[in-house]
Amino acid sequence: MSDHAYVPPRVWQWEEPSGGTFASINRPVAGPTHDKALPVGRHPLQLYSLATPNGVKVTVMLEELLALGHAGAEYDAWLIRIGDGDQFGSGFVEVNPNSKIPALMDHSVSPPQRVFESGAILLYLAEKFGEFLPGGHAERTETLSWLFWQMGSAPYLGGGFGHFYAYAPEKLEYPINRFAMEAKRQLDVLDRRLAESRFLGGEAYTIADIANWPWYGQLALGRLYEAGEFLQVQEYQHLQRWAREIDERPAVTRGRMVNRTFGEPETQLHERHAAGDFDTRTQDRLDADR
């Protein structure tokens, strides 16, 4: 143990930002920091988000619904720049008091319905449109189990492993080892499940897959935290099969682009207000890059 080990004070107090990528937006209190109304477009569904894994869940779901012909799933996707603190604007806090993306407003009902937390949004949309959630008791229960597994497990992958491996101001052996072990355990959980089933809920593609893929599928494909080699993701063969199959879905390609502000310019669609916002050249480039 280091001779300079941290000794917690008797009472914790927030005195200054702790450093790291997100230090400027972390604070120990809730509520808005400034007044800012949210824009509202012409479609029934208004999404306020960013293309983090949690944001991608919802844009993939909406693009999948549109691909099935559900015109009521048309949406406007407004960019929330979390690095700039947009999530602390008064309008956003009204939609999500937890100030996290994604957040959804459904204007097809009166009064408009707010929905926050990505898993809740997926479940809301699945029930609203009758898609991607099996009707049978056993299949529905299995799907919801894997949906909520993801909601409970991803903080260890993102806030735990991802934070200390990729974003913390200094590399620390103990937390990286601790959360790398948990990340690999989670990958093994998924790999074992996918050895016995095509998708997580069974033989049908569901919101369980839509929730898990942006995190664990993209990790398996080497797109998350540049940690594929470190975690030896190629050894999870069933997870790899599942990740590649979902990656090939056109709606997933489109969903990954929406509210994306990083990567090659051709992979970014900062805001989405119509299906025509996806141009053919961008689709061709994405297909070629896979």
C-alpha atoms as a PDB file:
ATOM      1  CA  MET A   1       0.000   0.000   0.000  1.00  0.00           C
ATOM      2  CA  SER A   2       1.197   3.507  -0.744  1.00  0.00           C
ATOM      3  CA  ASP A   3       2.639   5.612   2.062  1.00  0.00           C
ATOM      4  CA  HIS A   4       0.346   8.381   0.817  1.00  0.00           C
ATOM      5  CA  ALA A   5      -2.939   6.469   0.965  1.00  0.00           C
ATOM      6  CA  TYR A   6      -6.033   8.615   1.051  1.00  0.00           C
ATOM      7  CA  VAL A   7      -7.689   8.903   4.457  1.00  0.00           C
ATOM      8  CA  PRO A   8     -11.382   9.917   4.191  1.00  0.00           C
ATOM      9  CA  PRO A   9     -12.392  12.861   6.388  1.00  0.00           C
ATOM     10  CA  ARG A  10     -14.997  12.388   9.090  1.00  0.00           C
ATOM     11  CA  VAL A  11     -17.474  14.489   7.043  1.00  0.00           C
ATOM     12  CA  TRP A  12     -17.137  14.702   3.244  1.00  0.00           C
ATOM     13  CA  GLN A  13     -17.367  18.148   1.710  1.00  0.00           C
ATOM     14  CA  TRP A  14     -17.261  19.193  -1.921  1.00  0.00           C
ATOM     15  CA  GLU A  15     -14.476  21.736  -2.201  1.00  0.00           C
ATOM     16  CA  GLU A  16     -13.246  21.586  -5.805  1.00  0.00           C
ATOM     17  CA  PRO A  17     -13.632  19.530  -8.984  1.00  0.00           C
ATOM     18  CA  SER A  18     -11.853  16.208  -8.691  1.00  0.00           C
ATOM     19  CA  GLY A  19     -10.294  16.287 -12.152  1.00  0.00           C
ATOM     20  CA  GLY A  20     -10.891  13.974 -15.061  1.00  0.00           C
ATOM     21  CA  THR A  21     -12.933  14.272 -18.229  1.00  0.00           C
ATOM     22  CA  PHE A  22     -16.252  15.135 -16.600  1.00  0.00           C
ATOM     23  CA  ALA A  23     -15.037  17.136 -13.599  1.00  0.00           C
ATOM     24  CA  SER A  24     -16.594  20.374 -14.835  1.00  0.00           C
ATOM     25  CA  ILE A  25     -20.134  18.960 -14.833  1.00  0.00           C
ATOM     26  CA  ASN A  26     -20.042  16.831 -11.692  1.00  0.00           C
ATOM     27  CA  ARG A  27     -21.666  18.294  -8.599  1.00  0.00           C
ATOM     28  CA  PRO A  28     -23.318  16.907  -5.457  1.00  0.00           C
ATOM     29  CA  VAL A  29     -26.672  18.660  -5.892  1.00  0.00           C
ATOM     30  CA  ALA A  30     -29.585  18.346  -8.317  1.00  0.00           C
ATOM     31  CA  GLY A  31     -31.711  20.930 -10.078  1.00  0.00           C
ATOM     32  CA  PRO A  32     -31.120  23.437 -12.888  1.00  0.00           C
ATOM     33  CA  THR A  33     -28.139  25.758 -13.099  1.00  0.00           C
ATOM     34  CA  HIS A  34     -29.641  28.070 -15.706  1.00  0.00           C
ATOM     35  CA  ASP A  35     -32.870  28.859 -17.523  1.00  0.00           C
ATOM     36  CA  LYS A  36     -33.160  27.304 -20.944  1.00  0.00           C
ATOM     37  CA  ALA A  37     -36.307  26.074 -22.650  1.00  0.00           C
ATOM     38  CA  LEU A  38     -36.122  22.932 -24.758  1.00  0.00           C
ATOM     39  CA  PRO A  39     -36.942  23.114 -28.472  1.00  0.00           C
ATOM     40  CA  VAL A  40     -39.990  21.240 -29.739  1.00  0.00           C
ATOM     41  CA  GLY A  41     -40.215  19.982 -33.308  1.00  0.00           C
ATOM     42  CA  ARG A  42     -43.159  18.809 -35.375  1.00  0.00           C
ATOM     43  CA  HIS A  43     -43.151  15.092 -34.584  1.00  0.00           C
ATOM     44  CA  PRO A  44     -45.042  13.320 -31.779  1.00  0.00           C
ATOM     45  CA  LEU A  45     -41.857  12.201 -30.039  1.00  0.00           C
ATOM     46  CA  GLN A  46     -39.211  14.660 -28.915  1.00  0.00           C
ATOM     47  CA  LEU A  47     -35.891  13.171 -27.861  1.00  0.00           C
ATOM     48  CA  TYR A  48     -33.185  15.102 -26.024  1.00  0.00           C
ATOM     49  CA  SER A  49     -30.004  13.115 -26.066  1.00  0.00           C
ATOM     50  CA  LEU A  50     -26.398  12.418 -27.012  1.00  0.00           C
ATOM     51  CA  ALA A  51     -24.960   9.315 -28.697  1.00  0.00           C
ATOM     52  CA  THR A  52     -23.511   7.732 -25.591  1.00  0.00           C
ATOM     53  CA  PRO A  53     -24.458   4.056 -25.179  1.00  0.00           C
ATOM     54  CA  ASN A  54     -27.559   5.057 -23.214  1.00  0.00           C
ATOM     55  CA  GLY A  55     -28.589   7.528 -25.890  1.00  0.00           C
ATOM     56  CA  VAL A  56     -27.988   5.028 -28.696  1.00  0.00           C
ATOM     57  CA  LYS A  57     -30.447   2.614 -27.085  1.00  0.00           C
ATOM     58  CA  VAL A  58     -33.337   4.977 -27.757  1.00  0.00           C
ATOM     59  CA  THR A  59     -32.385   6.131 -31.246  1.00  0.00           C
ATOM     60  CA  VAL A  60     -31.928   2.499 -32.308  1.00  0.00           C
ATOM     61  CA  MET A  61     -35.346   1.663 -30.865  1.00  0.00           C
ATOM     62  CA  LEU A  62     -37.005   4.537 -32.720  1.00  0.00           C
ATOM     63  CA  GLU A  63     -35.299   3.669 -35.999  1.00  0.00           C
ATOM     64  CA  GLU A  64     -36.341   0.024 -35.587  1.00  0.00           C
ATOM     65  CA  LEU A  65     -39.957   1.086 -35.028  1.00  0.00           C
ATOM     66  CA  LEU A  66     -39.882   3.303 -38.104  1.00  0.00           C
ATOM     67  CA  ALA A  67     -38.401   0.443 -40.129  1.00  0.00           C
ATOM     68  CA  LEU A  68     -41.481  -1.612 -39.188  1.00  0.00           C
ATOM     69  CA  GLY A  69     -43.748   1.123 -40.539  1.00  0.00           C
ATOM     70  CA  HIS A  70     -44.867   2.822 -37.313  1.00  0.00           C
ATOM     71  CA  ALA A  71     -45.398   6.392 -38.492  1.00  0.00           C
ATOM     72  CA  GLY A  72     -46.200   7.449 -34.932  1.00  0.00           C
ATOM     73  CA  ALA A  73     -42.591   6.760 -33.999  1.00  0.00           C
ATOM     74  CA  GLU A  74     -41.359   9.716 -36.060  1.00  0.00           C
ATOM     75  CA  TYR A  75     -39.199  11.847 -33.846  1.00  0.00           C
ATOM     76  CA  ASP A  76     -37.055  14.912 -33.491  1.00  0.00           C
ATOM     77  CA  ALA A  77     -33.700  14.222 -31.842  1.00  0.00           C
ATOM     78  CA  TRP A  78     -32.203  17.322 -30.248  1.00  0.00           C
ATOM     79  CA  LEU A  79     -28.558  17.374 -29.238  1.00  0.00           C
ATOM     80  CA  ILE A  80     -27.762  17.739 -25.551  1.00  0.00           C
ATOM     81  CA  ARG A  81     -24.104  18.584 -25.107  1.00  0.00           C
ATOM     82  CA  ILE A  82     -23.394  17.223 -21.648  1.00  0.00           C
ATOM     83  CA  GLY A  83     -19.859  18.642 -21.641  1.00  0.00           C
ATOM     84  CA  ASP A  84     -21.424  22.100 -21.886  1.00  0.00           C
ATOM     85  CA  GLY A  85     -23.954  21.398 -19.132  1.00  0.00           C
ATOM     86  CA  ASP A  86     -27.060  21.411 -21.351  1.00  0.00           C
ATOM     87  CA  GLN A  87     -28.590  18.754 -19.099  1.00  0.00           C
ATOM     88  CA  PHE A  88     -28.767  21.279 -16.282  1.00  0.00           C
ATOM     89  CA  GLY A  89     -30.972  23.703 -18.193  1.00  0.00           C
ATOM     90  CA  SER A  90     -34.374  24.295 -16.617  1.00  0.00           C
ATOM     91  CA  GLY A  91     -36.263  22.765 -19.547  1.00  0.00           C
ATOM     92  CA  PHE A  92     -34.243  19.572 -19.496  1.00  0.00           C
ATOM     93  CA  VAL A  93     -34.546  19.201 -15.732  1.00  0.00           C
ATOM     94  CA  GLU A  94     -38.333  19.410 -16.119  1.00  0.00           C
ATOM     95  CA  VAL A  95     -38.182  16.361 -18.409  1.00  0.00           C
ATOM     96  CA  ASN A  96     -35.579  14.514 -16.364  1.00  0.00           C
ATOM     97  CA  PRO A  97     -35.029  15.690 -12.776  1.00  0.00           C
ATOM     98  CA  ASN A  98     -31.922  13.478 -12.691  1.00  0.00           C
ATOM     99  CA  SER A  99     -30.244  15.569 -15.443  1.00  0.00           C
ATOM    100  CA  LYS A 100     -29.083  12.578 -17.477  1.00  0.00           C
ATOM    101  CA  ILE A 101     -29.605  11.764 -21.141  1.00  0.00           C
ATOM    102  CA  PRO A 102     -31.695  10.459 -22.802  1.00  0.00           C
ATOM    103  CA  ALA A 103     -35.015  12.104 -22.038  1.00  0.00           C
ATOM    104  CA  LEU A 104     -38.207  11.806 -24.074  1.00  0.00           C
ATOM    105  CA  MET A 105     -41.418  13.795 -24.373  1.00  0.00           C
ATOM    106  CA  ASP A 106     -44.432  12.147 -25.990  1.00  0.00           C
ATOM    107  CA  HIS A 107     -46.712  14.837 -27.430  1.00  0.00           C
ATOM    108  CA  SER A 108     -49.153  12.326 -28.898  1.00  0.00           C
ATOM    109  CA  VAL A 109     -50.924  12.191 -25.526  1.00  0.00           C
ATOM    110  CA  SER A 110     -52.513  14.964 -23.506  1.00  0.00           C
ATOM    111  CA  PRO A 111     -50.942  16.229 -21.405  1.00  0.00           C
ATOM    112  CA  PRO A 112     -47.575  15.354 -22.949  1.00  0.00           C
ATOM    113  CA  GLN A 113     -45.849  12.526 -21.132  1.00  0.00           C
ATOM    114  CA  ARG A 114     -42.263  12.731 -19.994  1.00  0.00           C
ATOM    115  CA  VAL A 115     -40.158   9.551 -19.850  1.00  0.00           C
ATOM    116  CA  PHE A 116     -36.647   9.363 -18.467  1.00  0.00           C
ATOM    117  CA  GLU A 117     -34.127   6.576 -17.840  1.00  0.00           C
ATOM    118  CA  SER A 118     -33.194   4.681 -20.992  1.00  0.00           C
ATOM    119  CA  GLY A 119     -34.688   1.364 -19.888  1.00  0.00           C
ATOM    120  CA  ALA A 120     -37.976   3.045 -19.017  1.00  0.00           C
ATOM    121  CA  ILE A 121     -38.034   4.721 -22.434  1.00  0.00           C
ATOM    122  CA  LEU A 122     -37.492   1.395 -24.213  1.00  0.00           C
ATOM    123  CA  LEU A 123     -40.259  -0.244 -22.208  1.00  0.00           C
ATOM    124  CA  TYR A 124     -42.598   2.714 -22.804  1.00  0.00           C
ATOM    125  CA  LEU A 125     -42.048   2.601 -26.562  1.00  0.00           C
ATOM    126  CA  ALA A 126     -42.334  -1.193 -26.715  1.00  0.00           C
ATOM    127  CA  GLU A 127     -45.697  -1.086 -24.973  1.00  0.00           C
ATOM    128  CA  LYS A 128     -46.888   1.944 -26.920  1.00  0.00           C
ATOM    129  CA  PHE A 129     -46.233   0.340 -30.310  1.00  0.00           C
ATOM    130  CA  GLY A 130     -46.543  -3.334 -29.401  1.00  0.00           C
ATOM    131  CA  GLU A 131     -43.083  -4.254 -30.685  1.00  0.00           C
ATOM    132  CA  PHE A 132     -39.876  -5.826 -29.372  1.00  0.00           C
ATOM    133  CA  LEU A 133     -41.503  -7.125 -26.191  1.00  0.00           C
ATOM    134  CA  PRO A 134     -42.875 -10.678 -26.400  1.00  0.00           C
ATOM    135  CA  GLY A 135     -46.480 -11.309 -25.436  1.00  0.00           C
ATOM    136  CA  GLY A 136     -45.955 -14.707 -23.850  1.00  0.00           C
ATOM    137  CA  HIS A 137     -45.449 -14.699 -20.101  1.00  0.00           C
ATOM    138  CA  ALA A 138     -42.163 -16.623 -20.071  1.00  0.00           C
ATOM    139  CA  GLU A 139     -40.584 -14.728 -22.975  1.00  0.00           C
ATOM    140  CA  ARG A 140     -41.707 -11.341 -21.653  1.00  0.00           C
ATOM    141  CA  THR A 141     -40.317 -12.114 -18.215  1.00  0.00           C
ATOM    142  CA  GLU A 142     -36.976 -13.257 -19.636  1.00  0.00           C
ATOM    143  CA  THR A 143     -36.750 -10.129 -21.785  1.00  0.00           C
ATOM    144  CA  LEU A 144     -37.461  -7.826 -18.858  1.00  0.00           C
ATOM    145  CA  SER A 145     -34.951  -9.674 -16.698  1.00  0.00           C
ATOM    146  CA  TRP A 146     -32.190  -8.982 -19.217  1.00  0.00           C
ATOM    147  CA  LEU A 147     -33.364  -5.391 -19.661  1.00  0.00           C
ATOM    148  CA  PHE A 148     -33.075  -4.713 -15.953  1.00  0.00           C
ATOM    149  CA  TRP A 149     -29.853  -6.717 -15.738  1.00  0.00           C
ATOM    150  CA  GLN A 150     -28.357  -4.211 -18.135  1.00  0.00           C
ATOM    151  CA  MET A 151     -29.648  -1.239 -16.182  1.00  0.00           C
ATOM    152  CA  GLY A 152     -28.097  -2.589 -12.999  1.00  0.00           C
ATOM    153  CA  SER A 153     -24.848  -3.814 -14.556  1.00  0.00           C
ATOM    154  CA  ALA A 154     -23.831  -1.012 -16.930  1.00  0.00           C
ATOM    155  CA  PRO A 155     -22.824   1.426 -14.152  1.00  0.00           C
ATOM    156  CA  TYR A 156     -20.021  -0.976 -13.255  1.00  0.00           C
ATOM    157  CA  LEU A 157     -18.910  -1.012 -16.882  1.00  0.00           C
ATOM    158  CA  GLY A 158     -19.319   2.717 -17.549  1.00  0.00           C
ATOM    159  CA  GLY A 159     -18.944   4.516 -14.255  1.00  0.00           C
ATOM    160  CA  GLY A 160     -16.575   1.869 -12.922  1.00  0.00           C
ATOM    161  CA  PHE A 161     -14.311   0.340 -15.550  1.00  0.00           C
ATOM    162  CA  GLY A 162     -14.775   3.022 -18.199  1.00  0.00           C
ATOM    163  CA  HIS A 163     -14.182   5.860 -15.777  1.00  0.00           C
ATOM    164  CA  PHE A 164     -10.987   4.554 -14.208  1.00  0.00           C
ATOM    165  CA  TYR A 165      -9.573   3.013 -17.403  1.00  0.00           C
ATOM    166  CA  ALA A 166     -10.350   5.854 -19.818  1.00  0.00           C
ATOM    167  CA  TYR A 167     -11.388   9.058 -18.044  1.00  0.00           C
ATOM    168  CA  ALA A 168      -9.858   9.340 -14.563  1.00  0.00           C
ATOM    169  CA  PRO A 169      -7.092  11.962 -14.195  1.00  0.00           C
ATOM    170  CA  GLU A 170      -4.595   9.250 -13.251  1.00  0.00           C
ATOM    171  CA  LYS A 171      -4.386   5.480 -13.759  1.00  0.00           C
ATOM    172  CA  LEU A 172      -4.865   3.615 -10.478  1.00  0.00           C
ATOM    173  CA  GLU A 173      -4.194  -0.105 -10.299  1.00  0.00           C
ATOM    174  CA  TYR A 174      -6.758  -1.104  -7.697  1.00  0.00           C
ATOM    175  CA  PRO A 175      -9.934   0.383  -9.283  1.00  0.00           C
ATOM    176  CA  ILE A 176      -8.901  -0.628 -12.802  1.00  0.00           C
ATOM    177  CA  ASN A 177      -8.295  -4.214 -11.699  1.00  0.00           C
ATOM    178  CA  ARG A 178     -11.471  -4.268  -9.626  1.00  0.00           C
ATOM    179  CA  PHE A 179     -13.731  -3.069 -12.423  1.00  0.00           C
ATOM    180  CA  ALA A 180     -11.917  -4.960 -15.192  1.00  0.00           C
ATOM    181  CA  MET A 181     -12.687  -8.135 -13.257  1.00  0.00           C
ATOM    182  CA  GLU A 182     -16.360  -7.155 -13.032  1.00  0.00           C
ATOM    183  CA  ALA A 183     -16.523  -6.167 -16.709  1.00  0.00           C
ATOM    184  CA  LYS A 184     -15.144  -9.561 -17.727  1.00  0.00           C
ATOM    185  CA  ARG A 185     -17.570 -11.321 -15.409  1.00  0.00           C
ATOM    186  CA  GLN A 186     -20.437  -9.484 -17.102  1.00  0.00           C
ATOM    187  CA  LEU A 187     -19.124 -10.406 -20.543  1.00  0.00           C
ATOM    188  CA  ASP A 188     -19.041 -14.022 -19.417  1.00  0.00           C
ATOM    189  CA  VAL A 189     -22.633 -13.791 -18.151  1.00  0.00           C
ATOM    190  CA  LEU A 190     -23.743 -12.618 -21.591  1.00  0.00           C
ATOM    191  CA  ASP A 191     -21.591 -15.113 -23.465  1.00  0.00           C
ATOM    192  CA  ARG A 192     -23.061 -18.025 -21.503  1.00  0.00           C
ATOM    193  CA  ARG A 193     -26.598 -16.817 -22.141  1.00  0.00           C
ATOM    194  CA  LEU A 194     -25.944 -16.340 -25.849  1.00  0.00           C
ATOM    195  CA  ALA A 195     -24.502 -19.831 -26.102  1.00  0.00           C
ATOM    196  CA  GLU A 196     -28.001 -21.143 -25.459  1.00  0.00           C
ATOM    197  CA  SER A 197     -30.124 -18.508 -27.185  1.00  0.00           C
ATOM    198  CA  ARG A 198     -29.909 -16.447 -30.359  1.00  0.00           C
ATOM    199  CA  PHE A 199     -30.901 -13.274 -28.521  1.00  0.00           C
ATOM    200  CA  LEU A 200     -31.017 -12.386 -24.850  1.00  0.00           C
ATOM    201  CA  GLY A 201     -34.755 -12.809 -24.384  1.00  0.00           C
ATOM    202  CA  GLY A 202     -34.967 -15.925 -26.568  1.00  0.00           C
ATOM    203  CA  GLU A 203     -35.152 -16.400 -30.313  1.00  0.00           C
ATOM    204  CA  ALA A 204     -36.646 -12.947 -30.972  1.00  0.00           C
ATOM    205  CA  TYR A 205     -34.830  -9.602 -31.075  1.00  0.00           C
ATOM    206  CA  THR A 206     -36.212  -7.475 -28.224  1.00  0.00           C
ATOM    207  CA  ILE A 207     -35.631  -4.401 -26.097  1.00  0.00           C
ATOM    208  CA  ALA A 208     -33.238  -6.535 -24.033  1.00  0.00           C
ATOM    209  CA  ASP A 209     -30.889  -6.667 -27.026  1.00  0.00           C
ATOM    210  CA  ILE A 210     -31.464  -3.008 -27.880  1.00  0.00           C
ATOM    211  CA  ALA A 211     -30.521  -2.053 -24.311  1.00  0.00           C
ATOM    212  CA  ASN A 212     -27.460  -4.277 -24.020  1.00  0.00           C
ATOM    213  CA  TRP A 213     -25.920  -3.890 -27.480  1.00  0.00           C
ATOM    214  CA  PRO A 214     -24.770  -0.242 -27.259  1.00  0.00           C
ATOM    215  CA  TRP A 215     -22.756  -1.159 -24.158  1.00  0.00           C
ATOM    216  CA  TYR A 216     -21.644  -4.768 -24.439  1.00  0.00           C
ATOM    217  CA  GLY A 217     -22.015  -5.244 -28.180  1.00  0.00           C
ATOM    218  CA  GLN A 218     -19.900  -2.207 -28.952  1.00  0.00           C
ATOM    219  CA  LEU A 219     -17.389  -3.260 -26.313  1.00  0.00           C
ATOM    220  CA  ALA A 220     -17.169  -6.669 -27.988  1.00  0.00           C
ATOM    221  CA  LEU A 221     -16.628  -4.963 -31.349  1.00  0.00           C
ATOM    222  CA  GLY A 222     -13.775  -2.864 -29.968  1.00  0.00           C
ATOM    223  CA  ARG A 223     -15.594   0.472 -30.062  1.00  0.00           C
ATOM    224  CA  LEU A 224     -15.875   1.251 -26.350  1.00  0.00           C
ATOM    225  CA  TYR A 225     -13.042   2.798 -24.301  1.00  0.00           C
ATOM    226  CA  GLU A 226     -10.489   1.308 -26.748  1.00  0.00           C
ATOM    227  CA  ALA A 227     -10.458  -1.581 -24.289  1.00  0.00           C
ATOM    228  CA  GLY A 228     -11.080  -4.578 -26.553  1.00  0.00           C
ATOM    229  CA  GLU A 229      -7.544  -5.939 -26.340  1.00  0.00           C
ATOM    230  CA  PHE A 230      -7.218  -5.135 -22.638  1.00  0.00           C
ATOM    231  CA  LEU A 231     -10.367  -7.135 -21.823  1.00  0.00           C
ATOM    232  CA  GLN A 232      -9.665  -9.816 -24.459  1.00  0.00           C
ATOM    233  CA  VAL A 233     -13.160  -9.460 -25.881  1.00  0.00           C
ATOM    234  CA  GLN A 234     -12.499 -11.838 -28.772  1.00  0.00           C
ATOM    235  CA  GLU A 235     -12.598 -14.805 -26.413  1.00  0.00           C
ATOM    236  CA  TYR A 236     -16.357 -14.387 -25.940  1.00  0.00           C
ATOM    237  CA  GLN A 237     -17.401 -16.118 -29.154  1.00  0.00           C
ATOM    238  CA  HIS A 238     -21.163 -16.194 -28.606  1.00  0.00           C
ATOM    239  CA  LEU A 239     -21.180 -12.548 -27.596  1.00  0.00           C
ATOM    240  CA  GLN A 240     -19.200 -11.750 -30.741  1.00  0.00           C
ATOM    241  CA  ARG A 241     -21.751 -13.550 -32.921  1.00  0.00           C
ATOM    242  CA  TRP A 242     -24.621 -11.630 -31.312  1.00  0.00           C
ATOM    243  CA  ALA A 243     -22.800  -8.279 -31.495  1.00  0.00           C
ATOM    244  CA  ARG A 244     -22.046  -8.668 -35.211  1.00  0.00           C
ATOM    245  CA  GLU A 245     -25.570  -9.772 -36.094  1.00  0.00           C
ATOM    246  CA  ILE A 246     -27.135  -6.738 -34.444  1.00  0.00           C
ATOM    247  CA  ASP A 247     -24.487  -4.418 -35.872  1.00  0.00           C
ATOM    248  CA  GLU A 248     -25.626  -5.400 -39.373  1.00  0.00           C
ATOM    249  CA  ARG A 249     -29.186  -4.157 -38.855  1.00  0.00           C
ATOM    250  CA  PRO A 250     -29.809  -0.956 -40.885  1.00  0.00           C
ATOM    251  CA  ALA A 251     -31.769   0.639 -38.037  1.00  0.00           C
ATOM    252  CA  VAL A 252     -28.802   0.121 -35.726  1.00  0.00           C
ATOM    253  CA  THR A 253     -26.509   1.839 -38.236  1.00  0.00           C
ATOM    254  CA  ARG A 254     -28.849   4.813 -38.346  1.00  0.00           C
ATOM    255  CA  GLY A 255     -29.428   4.874 -34.596  1.00  0.00           C
ATOM    256  CA  ARG A 256     -25.706   5.004 -33.892  1.00  0.00           C
ATOM    257  CA  MET A 257     -25.390   8.174 -35.978  1.00  0.00           C
ATOM    258  CA  VAL A 258     -28.088  10.252 -34.297  1.00  0.00           C
ATOM    259  CA  ASN A 259     -26.826  12.897 -31.843  1.00  0.00           C
ATOM    260  CA  ARG A 260     -23.272  11.719 -32.469  1.00  0.00           C
ATOM    261  CA  THR A 261     -20.592  14.418 -32.117  1.00  0.00           C
ATOM    262  CA  PHE A 262     -17.416  12.320 -32.264  1.00  0.00           C
ATOM    263  CA  GLY A 263     -15.666  10.062 -34.750  1.00  0.00           C
ATOM    264  CA  GLU A 264     -15.445  10.646 -38.488  1.00  0.00           C
ATOM    265  CA  PRO A 265     -17.726  13.460 -39.722  1.00  0.00           C
ATOM    266  CA  GLU A 266     -19.509  11.004 -42.016  1.00  0.00           C
ATOM    267  CA  THR A 267     -20.669   9.018 -38.960  1.00  0.00           C
ATOM    268  CA  GLN A 268     -22.268  12.013 -37.255  1.00  0.00           C
ATOM    269  CA  LEU A 269     -25.822  13.307 -37.430  1.00  0.00           C
ATOM    270  CA  HIS A 270     -25.993  15.924 -34.706  1.00  0.00           C
ATOM    271  CA  GLU A 271     -29.766  16.279 -34.903  1.00  0.00           C
ATOM    272  CA  ARG A 272     -32.395  14.192 -36.637  1.00  0.00           C
ATOM    273  CA  HIS A 273     -35.711  15.682 -37.715  1.00  0.00           C
ATOM    274  CA  ALA A 274     -36.650  13.558 -40.745  1.00  0.00           C
ATOM    275  CA  ALA A 275     -35.721  10.253 -42.321  1.00  0.00           C
ATOM    276  CA  GLY A 276     -34.094  12.176 -45.165  1.00  0.00           C
ATOM    277  CA  ASP A 277     -31.442  13.461 -42.773  1.00  0.00           C
ATOM    278  CA  PHE A 278     -29.603  10.199 -43.397  1.00  0.00           C
ATOM    279  CA  ASP A 279     -28.020  10.588 -46.805  1.00  0.00           C
ATOM    280  CA  THR A 280     -26.990   7.693 -49.016  1.00  0.00           C
ATOM    281  CA  ARG A 281     -23.300   8.559 -49.020  1.00  0.00           C
ATOM    282  CA  THR A 282     -23.168   8.364 -45.223  1.00  0.00           C
ATOM    283  CA  GLN A 283     -24.871   4.984 -45.203  1.00  0.00           C
ATOM    284  CA  ASP A 284     -22.468   3.666 -47.822  1.00  0.00           C
ATOM    285  CA  ARG A 285     -19.483   4.929 -45.826  1.00  0.00           C
ATOM    286  CA  LEU A 286     -20.687   3.294 -42.633  1.00  0.00           C
ATOM    287  CA  ASP A 287     -21.342   0.002 -44.389  1.00  0.00           C
ATOM    288  CA  ALA A 288     -17.854   0.085 -45.886  1.00  0.00           C
ATOM    289  CA  ASP A 289     -16.234   0.785 -42.511  1.00  0.00           C
ATOM    290  CA  ARG A 290     -17.747  -2.259 -40.816  1.00  0.00           C
END
